[in-house]
N, C-alpha and C. Protein backbone atom coordinates (compact mmCIF):
# COMPACT_ATOMS: atom_id res chain seq x y z
N ASN A 1 128.25 220.82 72.32
CA ASN A 1 128.44 220.08 72.25
C ASN A 1 130.08 220.55 72.45
N LEU A 2 129.95 221.55 72.33
CA LEU A 2 132.06 222.30 72.54
C LEU A 2 132.51 222.48 73.78
N TYR A 3 131.24 221.91 74.94
CA TYR A 3 132.26 221.67 75.96
C TYR A 3 132.03 220.40 76.80
N LEU A 4 132.18 219.35 75.94
CA LEU A 4 132.43 217.99 76.01
C LEU A 4 133.97 217.94 75.36
N THR A 5 134.85 219.00 74.36
CA THR A 5 136.25 218.87 74.25
C THR A 5 136.82 219.81 75.20
N LYS A 6 137.37 219.20 75.59
CA LYS A 6 138.02 220.30 77.21
C LYS A 6 139.54 220.21 77.04
N TRP A 7 139.78 219.58 75.64
CA TRP A 7 141.23 219.81 75.29
C TRP A 7 141.58 221.16 73.86
N TYR A 8 140.57 221.77 73.22
CA TYR A 8 141.02 222.74 72.53
C TYR A 8 140.24 224.19 73.66
N PRO A 9 140.56 225.49 73.06
CA PRO A 9 140.11 226.49 73.94
C PRO A 9 139.18 227.22 73.44
N TRP A 10 138.45 226.95 73.32
CA TRP A 10 136.70 227.36 73.08
C TRP A 10 136.30 228.79 72.95
N ARG A 11 136.68 229.86 72.60
CA ARG A 11 136.04 231.40 72.94
C ARG A 11 134.95 231.44 72.90
N LYS A 12 134.34 232.56 73.61
CA LYS A 12 132.90 233.11 73.66
C LYS A 12 132.52 233.36 72.10
N GLN A 13 133.13 233.75 71.29
CA GLN A 13 132.74 233.43 69.86
C GLN A 13 132.31 232.04 68.69
N ASP A 14 133.31 231.19 69.08
CA ASP A 14 132.70 229.48 69.24
C ASP A 14 131.62 229.43 69.84
N TYR A 15 131.68 229.14 70.93
CA TYR A 15 130.10 229.29 71.23
C TYR A 15 128.96 229.94 70.48
N ASN A 16 129.06 231.43 70.97
CA ASN A 16 128.04 231.93 69.79
C ASN A 16 127.94 230.53 68.54
N VAL A 17 128.47 230.89 67.76
CA VAL A 17 128.28 229.61 66.40
C VAL A 17 128.26 229.32 66.80
N SER A 18 128.31 227.96 67.72
CA SER A 18 127.55 226.82 67.27
C SER A 18 126.03 227.25 68.21
N ASP A 19 125.70 227.68 69.50
CA ASP A 19 124.65 228.58 69.62
C ASP A 19 123.52 229.12 68.40
N THR A 20 124.16 229.34 67.63
CA THR A 20 123.10 229.96 65.97
C THR A 20 123.06 228.48 65.28
N MET A 21 123.73 227.98 65.14
CA MET A 21 123.57 226.21 64.28
C MET A 21 122.54 225.52 65.03
N GLU A 22 122.86 225.72 66.70
CA GLU A 22 121.54 224.62 67.00
C GLU A 22 120.13 225.19 67.47
N ASN A 23 120.77 226.72 67.27
CA ASN A 23 118.74 227.15 66.94
C ASN A 23 118.06 226.95 65.19
N TYR A 24 119.46 226.97 64.22
CA TYR A 24 118.43 227.28 63.10
C TYR A 24 118.10 225.67 62.97
N PHE A 25 118.78 224.58 63.70
CA PHE A 25 119.30 223.23 63.19
C PHE A 25 117.00 222.48 64.24
N ALA A 26 117.10 223.60 65.42
CA ALA A 26 116.27 223.07 66.04
C ALA A 26 114.83 224.30 65.41
N ASN A 27 114.86 225.14 65.10
CA ASN A 27 113.38 225.28 64.25
C ASN A 27 113.15 224.73 63.03
N PHE A 28 114.20 224.29 62.52
CA PHE A 28 114.18 223.82 61.07
C PHE A 28 113.11 222.33 61.30
N ILE A 29 113.93 221.68 62.40
CA ILE A 29 113.44 220.64 62.95
C ILE A 29 110.94 220.42 63.25
N LYS A 30 111.55 221.40 64.38
CA LYS A 30 110.25 222.23 64.75
C LYS A 30 109.38 222.62 62.88
N THR A 31 109.39 223.35 62.82
CA THR A 31 108.86 223.97 61.70
C THR A 31 108.50 223.48 60.45
N GLY A 32 110.21 223.35 59.69
CA GLY A 32 110.77 222.82 58.74
C GLY A 32 110.68 224.34 57.90
N ASN A 33 111.47 225.60 59.07
CA ASN A 33 111.75 226.57 58.01
C ASN A 33 113.37 226.70 59.26
N PRO A 34 114.51 227.13 59.00
CA PRO A 34 115.63 227.35 60.15
C PRO A 34 115.95 228.44 61.25
N ASN A 35 115.03 229.51 59.77
CA ASN A 35 114.55 231.24 60.40
C ASN A 35 114.08 231.17 61.60
N GLY A 36 114.01 232.05 62.77
CA GLY A 36 113.29 231.84 64.40
C GLY A 36 113.44 233.76 65.01
N LYS A 37 113.25 233.87 65.96
CA LYS A 37 113.75 235.10 66.49
C LYS A 37 114.91 235.38 66.73
N ASN A 38 116.20 236.64 66.15
CA ASN A 38 117.67 236.56 66.64
C ASN A 38 118.03 236.28 66.01
N LEU A 39 117.95 235.57 64.70
CA LEU A 39 118.76 235.26 64.20
C LEU A 39 118.81 235.84 62.32
N PRO A 40 119.90 236.21 62.16
CA PRO A 40 120.43 236.50 60.73
C PRO A 40 119.36 235.27 60.16
N HIS A 41 118.70 235.72 59.17
CA HIS A 41 117.91 234.75 57.47
C HIS A 41 118.56 234.06 56.81
N TRP A 42 118.08 233.23 56.85
CA TRP A 42 118.72 232.43 56.41
C TRP A 42 117.29 231.69 55.05
N PRO A 43 118.44 232.13 53.82
CA PRO A 43 117.34 232.60 52.28
C PRO A 43 116.87 230.28 52.20
N SER A 44 114.94 230.99 51.61
CA SER A 44 115.05 230.00 51.10
C SER A 44 116.16 229.45 49.69
N VAL A 45 116.18 228.09 49.25
CA VAL A 45 116.70 228.12 48.13
C VAL A 45 115.61 227.29 47.24
N ARG A 46 114.77 227.98 45.84
CA ARG A 46 114.83 227.55 44.61
C ARG A 46 115.70 226.81 43.69
N PRO A 47 114.64 226.07 42.94
CA PRO A 47 115.30 224.81 42.10
C PRO A 47 115.10 225.73 40.76
N GLU A 48 114.85 227.23 40.27
CA GLU A 48 114.53 227.70 39.48
C GLU A 48 115.72 228.21 39.89
N ASN A 49 116.39 228.72 40.70
CA ASN A 49 117.53 229.65 40.77
C ASN A 49 119.36 228.75 41.17
N PRO A 50 119.35 229.34 39.63
CA PRO A 50 120.64 228.81 39.43
C PRO A 50 122.56 229.37 40.12
N HIS A 51 121.47 230.47 41.01
CA HIS A 51 122.21 231.23 41.53
C HIS A 51 121.98 231.23 43.02
N PRO A 52 122.08 230.32 44.01
CA PRO A 52 120.96 230.78 45.30
C PRO A 52 121.74 231.00 46.47
N GLU A 53 121.22 231.53 46.87
CA GLU A 53 122.13 232.55 47.96
C GLU A 53 123.19 231.37 49.17
N ILE A 54 123.63 231.23 49.70
CA ILE A 54 124.37 230.29 50.70
C ILE A 54 124.29 230.92 51.72
N MET A 55 124.19 230.41 53.03
CA MET A 55 124.23 230.68 54.61
C MET A 55 125.83 230.30 55.06
N LEU A 56 126.42 231.39 55.69
CA LEU A 56 127.68 231.11 55.90
C LEU A 56 127.33 231.42 57.89
N ILE A 57 127.96 230.79 58.10
CA ILE A 57 127.54 230.49 59.48
C ILE A 57 128.54 230.07 60.52
N GLN A 58 128.84 231.71 60.82
CA GLN A 58 130.03 232.03 61.31
C GLN A 58 130.32 233.35 62.43
N PRO A 59 131.15 233.81 63.00
CA PRO A 59 130.68 235.73 64.02
C PRO A 59 130.27 235.63 62.79
N GLY A 60 128.84 236.06 63.02
CA GLY A 60 128.64 237.44 62.41
C GLY A 60 127.82 237.02 60.82
N SER A 61 127.31 235.27 60.92
CA SER A 61 126.33 234.68 60.33
C SER A 61 125.81 235.70 59.45
N HIS A 62 125.97 235.19 57.96
CA HIS A 62 125.10 235.37 57.07
C HIS A 62 124.85 235.79 55.36
N ALA A 63 123.89 235.26 54.87
CA ALA A 63 123.87 235.04 53.38
C ALA A 63 124.44 235.49 52.17
N ILE A 64 124.81 234.61 52.29
CA ILE A 64 125.89 235.20 50.72
C ILE A 64 125.46 234.99 49.09
N GLN A 65 125.93 235.04 48.18
CA GLN A 65 125.38 234.49 46.63
C GLN A 65 126.81 233.51 46.72
N ALA A 66 126.19 232.42 45.37
CA ALA A 66 127.11 231.00 45.77
C ALA A 66 127.83 232.22 45.33
N LYS A 67 129.01 230.98 45.39
CA LYS A 67 130.24 231.53 44.12
C LYS A 67 131.13 229.89 43.34
N ASN A 68 130.47 229.13 43.70
CA ASN A 68 130.77 227.82 42.88
C ASN A 68 129.57 227.35 42.79
N ASP A 69 128.54 227.44 41.28
CA ASP A 69 126.68 227.39 41.51
C ASP A 69 127.65 225.61 40.86
N ASN A 70 128.02 225.05 40.00
CA ASN A 70 128.48 223.96 39.67
C ASN A 70 128.61 222.93 40.75
N ARG A 71 128.80 222.89 42.05
CA ARG A 71 128.59 221.74 43.43
C ARG A 71 126.57 221.72 42.81
N PHE A 72 126.31 222.36 42.92
CA PHE A 72 124.39 222.50 43.28
C PHE A 72 124.72 221.70 42.40
N LEU A 73 125.02 222.08 41.25
CA LEU A 73 124.29 221.69 40.12
C LEU A 73 123.95 220.78 39.78
N LEU A 74 125.61 219.88 40.01
CA LEU A 74 125.74 218.56 40.36
C LEU A 74 125.30 218.13 41.77
N LEU A 75 124.37 218.68 42.48
CA LEU A 75 124.51 217.73 43.23
C LEU A 75 122.91 217.89 42.95
N SER A 76 122.16 218.49 42.47
CA SER A 76 120.67 218.59 41.66
C SER A 76 120.51 217.20 40.68
N LYS A 77 121.35 217.34 40.34
CA LYS A 77 121.85 216.36 39.21
C LYS A 77 121.94 214.49 39.52
N ILE A 78 122.26 214.85 40.71
CA ILE A 78 122.74 213.28 40.97
C ILE A 78 121.28 212.56 42.50
N TYR A 79 120.93 213.68 43.03
CA TYR A 79 119.90 213.78 44.03
C TYR A 79 118.60 212.94 42.47
N LYS A 80 118.45 213.85 41.68
CA LYS A 80 117.47 213.86 40.82
C LYS A 80 117.85 211.93 39.80
N GLN A 81 118.50 211.90 39.88
CA GLN A 81 119.07 210.27 39.86
C GLN A 81 118.50 209.43 40.62
N HIS A 82 118.16 209.76 41.99
CA HIS A 82 117.91 208.89 43.20
C HIS A 82 116.01 209.10 43.76
N GLU A 83 115.63 209.97 43.14
CA GLU A 83 114.23 209.74 43.50
C GLU A 83 113.64 208.81 42.89
């Protein structure tokens, strides 16, 4: 929806990042997996992996090893309390 915001000078790379996220989101809705043709691979996160890879959605999107694992551990604990 970047085109709806006329007050900001969006660049081509902004639209590319938006398209990437939209495609990941649409793939996930359709198949339960965000990966698809012409998209950088988004690795699965497994509960047994204490150091998951996370996806950076940006120009040149790619997965990196999580640097702040404590936030993921905290979220896991919170979600388990609400199951």
